[in-house]
Amino acid sequence: MSPTPRLIALLVALLAATSVGVQLWLGLSRRPLLDEAWRMARYFTNLTNVLVALTFLRIALGWRPSAWWSAGLTLWIVIVGVVYHALLSRDLSGLRWWTDLGQHSAVPVAVVLWWLAFAPKHGLGPRHAVLWLSWPLVYVAYVLVRGTMDGRHPYFFVDPGRLGWDGVALWSMGLGVGFWLAGLGVVLLAQRLGRSAPSMKRDDPAGPEAG
């Protein structure tokens, strides 16, 4: 991969890492480091931003991601922004506003722009829209198990105490369908862009390349 996408990938990694890092630092005024890190690990936003930071750091170091991974990561971080602004946004100020803006707006936009400009797009198909459900499904299972242990749930739509298990199931299915439809949209866009642009090296759609 040429220096330009690698340099921009480094900037994206720094943006995601800084957004998460500042949030962690702000939380240290209320609880110890490990407690705050464990609290933050409850949230899909934080975990997905960490995935972005790690993935884009690897790209900056020369790794070439597969088409399915770069598109899936783009989908996941976009969903972070859409769900937040549609259902969860709140009034904040100071550094908390900046880190909130970073994780839910700036990072998703930056990842989308990088994906549009530089990511491989060949080989994607409808099966990948199903494959991309794996991360949100793993996350939902994780927070439900964790919530039964400590009684805390990060979002209202995965809180059985507020919605009941039927409500959680309905919200999970609804969001899952939304993820799937959005994934199909990503596939269609990738196929169109792949036909209209010069082909980059064809990647293995079954998984990320070793690098």
C-alpha atoms as a PDB file:
ATOM      1  CA  MET A   1       0.000   0.000   0.000  1.00  0.00           C
ATOM      2  CA  SER A   2       1.355   3.410  -0.970  1.00  0.00           C
ATOM      3  CA  PRO A   3       2.503   6.032   1.575  1.00  0.00           C
ATOM      4  CA  THR A   4      -0.580   8.270   1.233  1.00  0.00           C
ATOM      5  CA  PRO A   5      -3.235   5.787   2.449  1.00  0.00           C
ATOM      6  CA  ARG A   6      -0.839   4.599   5.141  1.00  0.00           C
ATOM      7  CA  LEU A   7      -0.269   8.136   6.402  1.00  0.00           C
ATOM      8  CA  ILE A   8      -3.980   8.887   6.426  1.00  0.00           C
ATOM      9  CA  ALA A   9      -4.596   5.563   8.171  1.00  0.00           C
ATOM     10  CA  LEU A  10      -2.161   6.653  10.892  1.00  0.00           C
ATOM     11  CA  LEU A  11      -4.139   9.868  11.369  1.00  0.00           C
ATOM     12  CA  VAL A  12      -7.381   7.886  11.640  1.00  0.00           C
ATOM     13  CA  ALA A  13      -5.768   5.571  14.199  1.00  0.00           C
ATOM     14  CA  LEU A  14      -4.582   8.555  16.224  1.00  0.00           C
ATOM     15  CA  LEU A  15      -8.025  10.156  16.080  1.00  0.00           C
ATOM     16  CA  ALA A  16      -9.738   7.005  17.358  1.00  0.00           C
ATOM     17  CA  ALA A  17      -7.088   6.315  19.994  1.00  0.00           C
ATOM     18  CA  THR A  18      -7.126   9.910  21.216  1.00  0.00           C
ATOM     19  CA  SER A  19     -10.918   9.973  21.468  1.00  0.00           C
ATOM     20  CA  VAL A  20     -10.939   6.809  23.573  1.00  0.00           C
ATOM     21  CA  GLY A  21      -7.848   7.846  25.523  1.00  0.00           C
ATOM     22  CA  VAL A  22      -9.204  11.232  26.521  1.00  0.00           C
ATOM     23  CA  GLN A  23     -12.438   9.631  27.686  1.00  0.00           C
ATOM     24  CA  LEU A  24     -10.409   7.195  29.785  1.00  0.00           C
ATOM     25  CA  TRP A  25      -8.330  10.022  31.230  1.00  0.00           C
ATOM     26  CA  LEU A  26     -11.424  12.027  32.147  1.00  0.00           C
ATOM     27  CA  GLY A  27     -12.840   9.037  33.974  1.00  0.00           C
ATOM     28  CA  LEU A  28      -9.763   8.768  36.188  1.00  0.00           C
ATOM     29  CA  SER A  29     -11.095  11.633  38.286  1.00  0.00           C
ATOM     30  CA  ARG A  30     -13.862   9.311  39.486  1.00  0.00           C
ATOM     31  CA  ARG A  31     -12.366   5.820  39.594  1.00  0.00           C
ATOM     32  CA  PRO A  32      -9.027   3.953  39.297  1.00  0.00           C
ATOM     33  CA  LEU A  33      -7.568   3.152  35.875  1.00  0.00           C
ATOM     34  CA  LEU A  34      -8.569  -0.499  35.704  1.00  0.00           C
ATOM     35  CA  ASP A  35     -12.065   0.224  36.992  1.00  0.00           C
ATOM     36  CA  GLU A  36     -12.553   2.947  34.392  1.00  0.00           C
ATOM     37  CA  ALA A  37     -11.183   0.769  31.589  1.00  0.00           C
ATOM     38  CA  TRP A  38     -13.537  -2.033  32.629  1.00  0.00           C
ATOM     39  CA  ARG A  39     -16.468   0.399  32.710  1.00  0.00           C
ATOM     40  CA  MET A  40     -15.649   1.695  29.224  1.00  0.00           C
ATOM     41  CA  ALA A  41     -15.359  -1.867  27.914  1.00  0.00           C
ATOM     42  CA  ARG A  42     -19.106  -2.152  28.446  1.00  0.00           C
ATOM     43  CA  TYR A  43     -19.846   0.106  25.452  1.00  0.00           C
ATOM     44  CA  PHE A  44     -20.029  -0.854  21.777  1.00  0.00           C
ATOM     45  CA  THR A  45     -18.786   2.639  20.879  1.00  0.00           C
ATOM     46  CA  ASN A  46     -15.555   2.298  22.830  1.00  0.00           C
ATOM     47  CA  LEU A  47     -14.835  -1.258  21.728  1.00  0.00           C
ATOM     48  CA  THR A  48     -15.441  -0.470  18.063  1.00  0.00           C
ATOM     49  CA  ASN A  49     -13.270   2.640  18.223  1.00  0.00           C
ATOM     50  CA  VAL A  50     -10.501   0.482  19.692  1.00  0.00           C
ATOM     51  CA  LEU A  51     -10.932  -1.897  16.737  1.00  0.00           C
ATOM     52  CA  VAL A  52     -10.609   1.084  14.403  1.00  0.00           C
ATOM     53  CA  ALA A  53      -7.461   2.317  16.150  1.00  0.00           C
ATOM     54  CA  LEU A  54      -5.784  -1.103  16.058  1.00  0.00           C
ATOM     55  CA  THR A  55      -6.784  -1.839  12.458  1.00  0.00           C
ATOM     56  CA  PHE A  56      -5.657   1.520  11.113  1.00  0.00           C
ATOM     57  CA  LEU A  57      -2.415   1.351  13.050  1.00  0.00           C
ATOM     58  CA  ARG A  58      -1.696  -1.978  11.360  1.00  0.00           C
ATOM     59  CA  ILE A  59      -2.526  -0.417   7.982  1.00  0.00           C
ATOM     60  CA  ALA A  60      -0.159   2.468   8.713  1.00  0.00           C
ATOM     61  CA  LEU A  61       2.543  -0.120   9.438  1.00  0.00           C
ATOM     62  CA  GLY A  62       2.016  -1.754   6.048  1.00  0.00           C
ATOM     63  CA  TRP A  63      -0.771  -4.304   6.526  1.00  0.00           C
ATOM     64  CA  ARG A  64      -3.254  -4.544   3.681  1.00  0.00           C
ATOM     65  CA  PRO A  65      -6.725  -5.397   5.061  1.00  0.00           C
ATOM     66  CA  SER A  66      -9.055  -7.693   3.186  1.00  0.00           C
ATOM     67  CA  ALA A  67     -12.080  -6.218   1.466  1.00  0.00           C
ATOM     68  CA  TRP A  68     -14.498  -7.890   3.866  1.00  0.00           C
ATOM     69  CA  TRP A  69     -12.731  -6.633   7.004  1.00  0.00           C
ATOM     70  CA  SER A  70     -12.294  -3.018   5.897  1.00  0.00           C
ATOM     71  CA  ALA A  71     -15.916  -2.833   4.732  1.00  0.00           C
ATOM     72  CA  GLY A  72     -17.204  -4.526   7.887  1.00  0.00           C
ATOM     73  CA  LEU A  73     -15.253  -2.208  10.149  1.00  0.00           C
ATOM     74  CA  THR A  74     -16.586   0.750   8.201  1.00  0.00           C
ATOM     75  CA  LEU A  75     -20.137  -0.530   8.632  1.00  0.00           C
ATOM     76  CA  TRP A  76     -19.693  -1.056  12.373  1.00  0.00           C
ATOM     77  CA  ILE A  77     -18.296   2.392  13.072  1.00  0.00           C
ATOM     78  CA  VAL A  78     -20.966   4.036  10.915  1.00  0.00           C
ATOM     79  CA  ILE A  79     -23.634   2.209  12.920  1.00  0.00           C
ATOM     80  CA  VAL A  80     -21.981   3.589  16.069  1.00  0.00           C
ATOM     81  CA  GLY A  81     -22.589   7.102  14.791  1.00  0.00           C
ATOM     82  CA  VAL A  82     -26.090   6.498  13.431  1.00  0.00           C
ATOM     83  CA  VAL A  83     -27.436   4.754  16.540  1.00  0.00           C
ATOM     84  CA  TYR A  84     -25.886   7.351  18.822  1.00  0.00           C
ATOM     85  CA  HIS A  85     -27.267  10.358  16.978  1.00  0.00           C
ATOM     86  CA  ALA A  86     -30.668   8.720  16.466  1.00  0.00           C
ATOM     87  CA  LEU A  87     -31.213   7.255  19.945  1.00  0.00           C
ATOM     88  CA  LEU A  88     -28.537   8.126  22.482  1.00  0.00           C
ATOM     89  CA  SER A  89     -27.162  11.639  21.960  1.00  0.00           C
ATOM     90  CA  ARG A  90     -26.806  13.852  25.025  1.00  0.00           C
ATOM     91  CA  ASP A  91     -25.679  17.340  25.937  1.00  0.00           C
ATOM     92  CA  LEU A  92     -22.027  17.525  26.954  1.00  0.00           C
ATOM     93  CA  SER A  93     -19.444  20.247  27.319  1.00  0.00           C
ATOM     94  CA  GLY A  94     -15.692  20.730  27.386  1.00  0.00           C
ATOM     95  CA  LEU A  95     -13.428  17.760  26.714  1.00  0.00           C
ATOM     96  CA  ARG A  96     -16.324  15.346  27.134  1.00  0.00           C
ATOM     97  CA  TRP A  97     -18.017  16.999  24.149  1.00  0.00           C
ATOM     98  CA  TRP A  98     -14.839  16.663  22.093  1.00  0.00           C
ATOM     99  CA  THR A  99     -14.301  12.981  22.874  1.00  0.00           C
ATOM    100  CA  ASP A 100     -17.984  12.319  22.256  1.00  0.00           C
ATOM    101  CA  LEU A 101     -17.750  14.093  18.894  1.00  0.00           C
ATOM    102  CA  GLY A 102     -14.602  12.165  18.049  1.00  0.00           C
ATOM    103  CA  GLN A 103     -15.965   8.685  18.688  1.00  0.00           C
ATOM    104  CA  HIS A 104     -19.460   9.183  17.268  1.00  0.00           C
ATOM    105  CA  SER A 105     -18.887  11.618  14.399  1.00  0.00           C
ATOM    106  CA  ALA A 106     -15.291  12.342  13.410  1.00  0.00           C
ATOM    107  CA  VAL A 107     -14.019   8.748  13.483  1.00  0.00           C
ATOM    108  CA  PRO A 108     -16.963   7.335  11.487  1.00  0.00           C
ATOM    109  CA  VAL A 109     -16.579  10.055   8.843  1.00  0.00           C
ATOM    110  CA  ALA A 110     -12.819   9.539   8.632  1.00  0.00           C
ATOM    111  CA  VAL A 111     -13.178   5.758   8.273  1.00  0.00           C
ATOM    112  CA  VAL A 112     -15.815   6.124   5.555  1.00  0.00           C
ATOM    113  CA  LEU A 113     -13.635   8.535   3.588  1.00  0.00           C
ATOM    114  CA  TRP A 114     -10.616   6.233   3.875  1.00  0.00           C
ATOM    115  CA  TRP A 115     -12.692   3.247   2.783  1.00  0.00           C
ATOM    116  CA  LEU A 116     -14.109   5.113  -0.215  1.00  0.00           C
ATOM    117  CA  ALA A 117     -10.691   6.324  -1.339  1.00  0.00           C
ATOM    118  CA  PHE A 118      -8.330   3.467  -0.566  1.00  0.00           C
ATOM    119  CA  ALA A 119      -9.904   0.209   0.606  1.00  0.00           C
ATOM    120  CA  PRO A 120     -10.101  -2.871  -1.634  1.00  0.00           C
ATOM    121  CA  LYS A 121     -13.692  -3.523  -2.659  1.00  0.00           C
ATOM    122  CA  HIS A 122     -13.626  -6.581  -4.900  1.00  0.00           C
ATOM    123  CA  GLY A 123     -15.107  -9.917  -3.916  1.00  0.00           C
ATOM    124  CA  LEU A 124     -17.840  -8.661  -1.587  1.00  0.00           C
ATOM    125  CA  GLY A 125     -21.268 -10.292  -1.789  1.00  0.00           C
ATOM    126  CA  PRO A 126     -24.523 -10.633   0.162  1.00  0.00           C
ATOM    127  CA  ARG A 127     -22.995 -13.331   2.386  1.00  0.00           C
ATOM    128  CA  HIS A 128     -20.721 -10.685   3.888  1.00  0.00           C
ATOM    129  CA  ALA A 129     -23.732  -8.690   5.104  1.00  0.00           C
ATOM    130  CA  VAL A 130     -24.554 -11.757   7.213  1.00  0.00           C
ATOM    131  CA  LEU A 131     -20.934 -12.253   8.291  1.00  0.00           C
ATOM    132  CA  TRP A 132     -20.753  -8.644   9.502  1.00  0.00           C
ATOM    133  CA  LEU A 133     -23.530  -9.394  12.010  1.00  0.00           C
ATOM    134  CA  SER A 134     -21.020 -11.435  14.006  1.00  0.00           C
ATOM    135  CA  TRP A 135     -19.487  -8.483  15.874  1.00  0.00           C
ATOM    136  CA  PRO A 136     -22.781  -6.919  17.070  1.00  0.00           C
ATOM    137  CA  LEU A 137     -24.117 -10.377  17.973  1.00  0.00           C
ATOM    138  CA  VAL A 138     -21.006 -11.176  20.003  1.00  0.00           C
ATOM    139  CA  TYR A 139     -21.299  -7.777  21.665  1.00  0.00           C
ATOM    140  CA  VAL A 140     -24.976  -8.252  22.599  1.00  0.00           C
ATOM    141  CA  ALA A 141     -24.241 -11.674  24.093  1.00  0.00           C
ATOM    142  CA  TYR A 142     -21.300 -10.204  26.024  1.00  0.00           C
ATOM    143  CA  VAL A 143     -23.231  -7.294  27.562  1.00  0.00           C
ATOM    144  CA  LEU A 144     -26.203  -9.471  28.463  1.00  0.00           C
ATOM    145  CA  VAL A 145     -23.964 -11.968  30.277  1.00  0.00           C
ATOM    146  CA  ARG A 146     -22.030  -9.157  31.891  1.00  0.00           C
ATOM    147  CA  GLY A 147     -25.247  -7.389  32.865  1.00  0.00           C
ATOM    148  CA  THR A 148     -26.606 -10.466  34.625  1.00  0.00           C
ATOM    149  CA  MET A 149     -23.417 -10.500  36.679  1.00  0.00           C
ATOM    150  CA  ASP A 150     -23.153  -6.835  37.681  1.00  0.00           C
ATOM    151  CA  GLY A 151     -26.686  -5.575  37.070  1.00  0.00           C
ATOM    152  CA  ARG A 152     -25.557  -2.809  34.697  1.00  0.00           C
ATOM    153  CA  HIS A 153     -26.481  -2.464  31.040  1.00  0.00           C
ATOM    154  CA  PRO A 154     -24.899   0.139  28.756  1.00  0.00           C
ATOM    155  CA  TYR A 155     -27.898   0.885  26.518  1.00  0.00           C
ATOM    156  CA  PHE A 156     -31.623   0.837  27.133  1.00  0.00           C
ATOM    157  CA  PHE A 157     -32.231  -1.605  24.268  1.00  0.00           C
ATOM    158  CA  VAL A 158     -30.114  -4.314  25.955  1.00  0.00           C
ATOM    159  CA  ASP A 159     -31.513  -3.750  29.446  1.00  0.00           C
ATOM    160  CA  PRO A 160     -33.972  -6.502  30.458  1.00  0.00           C
ATOM    161  CA  GLY A 161     -34.757  -4.598  33.643  1.00  0.00           C
ATOM    162  CA  ARG A 162     -36.290  -1.773  31.601  1.00  0.00           C
ATOM    163  CA  LEU A 163     -37.691  -3.585  28.578  1.00  0.00           C
ATOM    164  CA  GLY A 164     -38.009  -7.183  29.691  1.00  0.00           C
ATOM    165  CA  TRP A 165     -36.381  -9.993  27.768  1.00  0.00           C
ATOM    166  CA  ASP A 166     -39.039  -9.796  25.059  1.00  0.00           C
ATOM    167  CA  GLY A 167     -38.265  -6.125  24.560  1.00  0.00           C
ATOM    168  CA  VAL A 168     -34.538  -6.772  24.381  1.00  0.00           C
ATOM    169  CA  ALA A 169     -35.139  -9.536  21.839  1.00  0.00           C
ATOM    170  CA  LEU A 170     -37.318  -7.259  19.681  1.00  0.00           C
ATOM    171  CA  TRP A 171     -34.805  -4.413  19.779  1.00  0.00           C
ATOM    172  CA  SER A 172     -31.948  -6.788  19.037  1.00  0.00           C
ATOM    173  CA  MET A 173     -33.771  -8.266  16.063  1.00  0.00           C
ATOM    174  CA  GLY A 174     -34.708  -4.821  14.791  1.00  0.00           C
ATOM    175  CA  LEU A 175     -31.176  -3.524  15.067  1.00  0.00           C
ATOM    176  CA  GLY A 176     -29.897  -6.753  13.534  1.00  0.00           C
ATOM    177  CA  VAL A 177     -32.131  -6.286  10.511  1.00  0.00           C
ATOM    178  CA  GLY A 178     -30.908  -2.699  10.275  1.00  0.00           C
ATOM    179  CA  PHE A 179     -27.287  -3.905  10.374  1.00  0.00           C
ATOM    180  CA  TRP A 180     -28.016  -6.479   7.679  1.00  0.00           C
ATOM    181  CA  LEU A 181     -29.741  -4.004   5.369  1.00  0.00           C
ATOM    182  CA  ALA A 182     -26.933  -1.508   5.877  1.00  0.00           C
ATOM    183  CA  GLY A 183     -24.455  -4.287   5.108  1.00  0.00           C
ATOM    184  CA  LEU A 184     -26.246  -5.040   1.846  1.00  0.00           C
ATOM    185  CA  GLY A 185     -25.988  -1.352   1.029  1.00  0.00           C
ATOM    186  CA  VAL A 186     -22.237  -1.459   1.653  1.00  0.00           C
ATOM    187  CA  VAL A 187     -21.937  -4.494  -0.649  1.00  0.00           C
ATOM    188  CA  LEU A 188     -23.861  -2.785  -3.436  1.00  0.00           C
ATOM    189  CA  LEU A 189     -21.803   0.381  -3.082  1.00  0.00           C
ATOM    190  CA  ALA A 190     -18.554  -1.590  -3.066  1.00  0.00           C
ATOM    191  CA  GLN A 191     -19.583  -3.489  -6.188  1.00  0.00           C
ATOM    192  CA  ARG A 192     -20.446  -0.271  -7.986  1.00  0.00           C
ATOM    193  CA  LEU A 193     -17.230   1.439  -6.926  1.00  0.00           C
ATOM    194  CA  GLY A 194     -15.241  -1.678  -7.811  1.00  0.00           C
ATOM    195  CA  ARG A 195     -16.605  -1.622 -11.354  1.00  0.00           C
ATOM    196  CA  SER A 196     -15.926   2.076 -11.838  1.00  0.00           C
ATOM    197  CA  ALA A 197     -12.375   2.187 -10.452  1.00  0.00           C
ATOM    198  CA  PRO A 198      -9.142   0.443 -11.406  1.00  0.00           C
ATOM    199  CA  SER A 199      -8.848  -2.875  -9.611  1.00  0.00           C
ATOM    200  CA  MET A 200      -6.579  -3.073  -6.598  1.00  0.00           C
ATOM    201  CA  LYS A 201      -5.111  -6.428  -5.678  1.00  0.00           C
ATOM    202  CA  ARG A 202      -7.988  -8.862  -5.224  1.00  0.00           C
ATOM    203  CA  ASP A 203      -8.320  -9.878  -1.597  1.00  0.00           C
ATOM    204  CA  ASP A 204      -9.502 -13.092  -0.072  1.00  0.00           C
ATOM    205  CA  PRO A 205     -13.127 -12.404   0.971  1.00  0.00           C
ATOM    206  CA  ALA A 206     -13.062 -15.134   3.568  1.00  0.00           C
ATOM    207  CA  GLY A 207     -10.879 -13.291   6.037  1.00  0.00           C
ATOM    208  CA  PRO A 208      -8.223 -10.652   6.680  1.00  0.00           C
ATOM    209  CA  GLU A 209      -4.861 -11.136   5.068  1.00  0.00           C
ATOM    210  CA  ALA A 210      -1.849 -11.875   7.167  1.00  0.00           C
ATOM    211  CA  GLY A 211       0.525  -8.991   7.186  1.00  0.00           C
END
